[in-house]
Amino acid sequence: MTRNIATNRSVERDELLNFIRPRHKGILSTQRQDKRPQMSLVTMGVSSSGKILISSYPERVKVSNARRNSEASICVMGEEFNSEWVQVDGNIEVLDLPAALDGLCEYFKVISGEHPDWGEYRSAMVKQGKVLLELSVERWSPISKGGFPARLIE
């Protein structure tokens, strides 16, 4: 059986953003009123300005929490459970419609590419009453991968 060695690599901002861009699965952590974490599985992307974008609905708990307390964290994961991951901490801003519309289009674009009908997409976002969460990248952990400590690999 091959054993993988756990790794942690510290990176600068540009390398961090390049690591995050192709990854679209995360666990967003906001803070409940009682100060305990509220974690939500999210689909996310990175904007051209380097913010992490998350689309949601105004009724969601993560949105209520973000409106009350802007401190948030996200664990950005790879496709495989044991692939590399990173935690990003920052402040989150909730953008409501109509201010959210351009950001929602960017969110779609960075995850899925061009939409065949942007007018249709915009109409759907308005009809659904979507909001956009923008998480600033203020600090981050090393990019990590789980495994055994090197001392246990022979």
Protein backbone atom coordinates (compact mmCIF):
# COMPACT_ATOMS: atom_id res chain seq x y z
CA MET A 1 0.00 0.00 0.00
CA THR A 2 1.38 3.40 -0.97
CA ARG A 3 1.26 5.94 1.81
CA ASN A 4 1.02 9.63 0.99
CA ILE A 5 2.98 12.16 2.97
CA ALA A 6 0.99 15.08 4.35
CA THR A 7 2.08 18.41 2.87
CA ASN A 8 1.70 22.09 3.68
CA ARG A 9 3.03 24.71 1.30
CA SER A 10 2.91 28.41 1.94
CA VAL A 11 2.05 30.52 -1.08
CA GLU A 12 1.82 34.17 -2.07
CA ARG A 13 -1.49 35.74 -3.11
CA ASP A 14 -1.11 35.17 -6.87
CA GLU A 15 -0.32 31.48 -6.41
CA LEU A 16 -3.23 31.16 -3.98
CA LEU A 17 -5.69 32.66 -6.49
CA ASN A 18 -4.30 30.45 -9.27
CA PHE A 19 -4.82 27.44 -6.99
CA ILE A 20 -8.42 28.44 -6.20
CA ARG A 21 -9.59 29.44 -9.73
CA PRO A 22 -10.16 25.91 -11.12
CA ARG A 23 -11.71 24.67 -7.87
CA HIS A 24 -15.40 25.42 -7.35
CA LYS A 25 -16.34 23.43 -4.25
CA GLY A 26 -16.06 24.90 -0.80
CA ILE A 27 -17.35 24.98 2.73
CA LEU A 28 -18.28 28.51 3.76
CA SER A 29 -18.18 29.31 7.47
CA THR A 30 -20.16 32.26 8.78
CA GLN A 31 -21.01 33.04 12.38
CA ARG A 32 -24.38 32.38 14.02
CA GLN A 33 -25.81 34.82 16.56
CA ASP A 34 -24.48 32.62 19.38
CA LYS A 35 -20.96 32.94 17.83
CA ARG A 36 -20.80 29.29 16.77
CA PRO A 37 -19.83 28.53 13.16
CA GLN A 38 -22.47 27.93 10.50
CA MET A 39 -21.00 25.86 7.68
CA SER A 40 -22.52 25.65 4.21
CA LEU A 41 -21.48 23.65 1.17
CA VAL A 42 -21.14 26.14 -1.69
CA THR A 43 -20.15 26.45 -5.32
CA MET A 44 -17.68 29.30 -5.71
CA GLY A 45 -15.44 31.09 -8.15
CA VAL A 46 -12.80 33.84 -8.15
CA SER A 47 -13.61 37.26 -9.62
CA SER A 48 -11.23 39.24 -11.80
CA SER A 49 -10.56 41.43 -8.76
CA GLY A 50 -9.56 38.39 -6.66
CA LYS A 51 -12.67 38.03 -4.49
CA ILE A 52 -14.38 34.70 -3.91
CA LEU A 53 -17.90 34.77 -5.36
CA ILE A 54 -20.84 32.73 -4.07
CA SER A 55 -24.40 32.89 -5.38
CA SER A 56 -27.23 32.42 -2.91
CA TYR A 57 -30.74 33.42 -1.88
CA PRO A 58 -31.56 36.14 0.66
CA GLU A 59 -33.41 33.66 2.91
CA ARG A 60 -30.39 31.42 3.45
CA VAL A 61 -28.79 31.35 6.91
CA LYS A 62 -25.32 32.10 5.50
CA VAL A 63 -26.70 35.32 4.02
CA SER A 64 -28.37 36.39 7.28
CA ASN A 65 -25.16 35.63 9.16
CA ALA A 66 -23.04 37.58 6.65
CA ARG A 67 -25.33 40.62 6.94
CA ARG A 68 -24.93 40.59 10.72
CA ASN A 69 -21.20 39.77 10.90
CA SER A 70 -18.95 40.13 7.88
CA GLU A 71 -16.17 37.85 9.17
CA ALA A 72 -16.14 34.58 7.22
CA SER A 73 -13.90 31.74 6.12
CA ILE A 74 -14.03 29.25 3.30
CA CYS A 75 -12.33 25.90 2.87
CA VAL A 76 -11.65 25.48 -0.84
CA MET A 77 -11.54 21.82 -1.82
CA GLY A 78 -10.47 19.85 -4.86
CA GLU A 79 -12.55 17.29 -6.73
CA GLU A 80 -11.21 14.38 -4.67
CA PHE A 81 -11.67 14.18 -0.92
CA ASN A 82 -7.94 13.69 -0.30
CA SER A 83 -6.76 16.34 -2.75
CA GLU A 84 -5.19 19.66 -1.75
CA TRP A 85 -7.26 22.29 0.04
CA VAL A 86 -6.84 25.75 1.54
CA GLN A 87 -8.65 27.92 4.09
CA VAL A 88 -9.23 31.57 3.24
CA ASP A 89 -10.35 34.16 5.81
CA GLY A 90 -11.79 37.58 5.08
CA ASN A 91 -14.81 39.82 5.15
CA ILE A 92 -17.92 38.95 3.21
CA GLU A 93 -20.25 41.44 1.55
CA VAL A 94 -23.82 40.67 0.52
CA LEU A 95 -24.89 42.29 -2.75
CA ASP A 96 -28.61 42.43 -3.44
CA LEU A 97 -30.27 42.99 -6.79
CA PRO A 98 -29.90 45.01 -8.91
CA ALA A 99 -26.32 45.67 -7.71
CA ALA A 100 -25.59 41.91 -7.69
CA LEU A 101 -26.49 41.29 -11.34
CA ASP A 102 -23.10 41.92 -12.98
CA GLY A 103 -21.36 39.93 -10.24
CA LEU A 104 -23.77 37.02 -10.69
CA CYS A 105 -22.87 37.01 -14.39
CA GLU A 106 -19.17 36.98 -13.49
CA TYR A 107 -19.83 34.16 -11.01
CA PHE A 108 -21.39 32.07 -13.80
CA LYS A 109 -18.60 32.94 -16.24
CA VAL A 110 -15.70 31.98 -13.96
CA ILE A 111 -17.31 28.64 -13.15
CA SER A 112 -19.02 27.62 -16.39
CA GLY A 113 -17.80 29.96 -19.14
CA GLU A 114 -20.01 31.92 -21.50
CA HIS A 115 -23.77 31.59 -21.19
CA PRO A 116 -25.63 31.02 -24.46
CA ASP A 117 -28.14 33.77 -23.57
CA TRP A 118 -27.05 36.36 -21.01
CA GLY A 119 -30.44 38.10 -21.16
CA GLU A 120 -32.14 34.85 -20.17
CA TYR A 121 -29.60 34.30 -17.37
CA ARG A 122 -30.07 37.84 -16.03
CA SER A 123 -33.86 37.43 -16.09
CA ALA A 124 -33.57 34.14 -14.20
CA MET A 125 -31.40 35.76 -11.51
CA VAL A 126 -33.93 38.59 -11.07
CA LYS A 127 -36.89 36.19 -11.03
CA GLN A 128 -35.16 34.02 -8.40
CA GLY A 129 -34.19 37.10 -6.33
CA LYS A 130 -30.57 35.96 -6.06
CA VAL A 131 -27.88 37.63 -3.98
CA LEU A 132 -24.12 37.56 -4.45
CA LEU A 133 -21.64 37.00 -1.63
CA GLU A 134 -18.17 38.46 -2.18
CA LEU A 135 -15.48 37.21 0.20
CA SER A 136 -12.32 39.29 0.32
CA VAL A 137 -9.07 37.33 0.55
CA GLU A 138 -7.33 38.75 3.62
CA ARG A 139 -5.35 35.79 4.95
CA TRP A 140 -4.97 32.11 4.15
CA SER A 141 -3.51 28.90 5.42
CA PRO A 142 -0.86 26.92 3.61
CA ILE A 143 -2.20 24.78 0.79
CA SER A 144 -2.47 21.39 2.47
CA LYS A 145 -2.87 17.76 1.59
CA GLY A 146 -3.63 15.08 4.12
CA GLY A 147 -1.59 11.97 4.66
CA PHE A 148 0.90 10.43 7.02
CA PRO A 149 3.65 12.39 8.77
CA ALA A 150 6.92 11.96 6.84
CA ARG A 151 8.48 10.20 9.86
CA LEU A 152 6.08 7.25 9.34
CA ILE A 153 6.98 6.67 5.68
CA GLU A 154 9.74 4.15 5.14
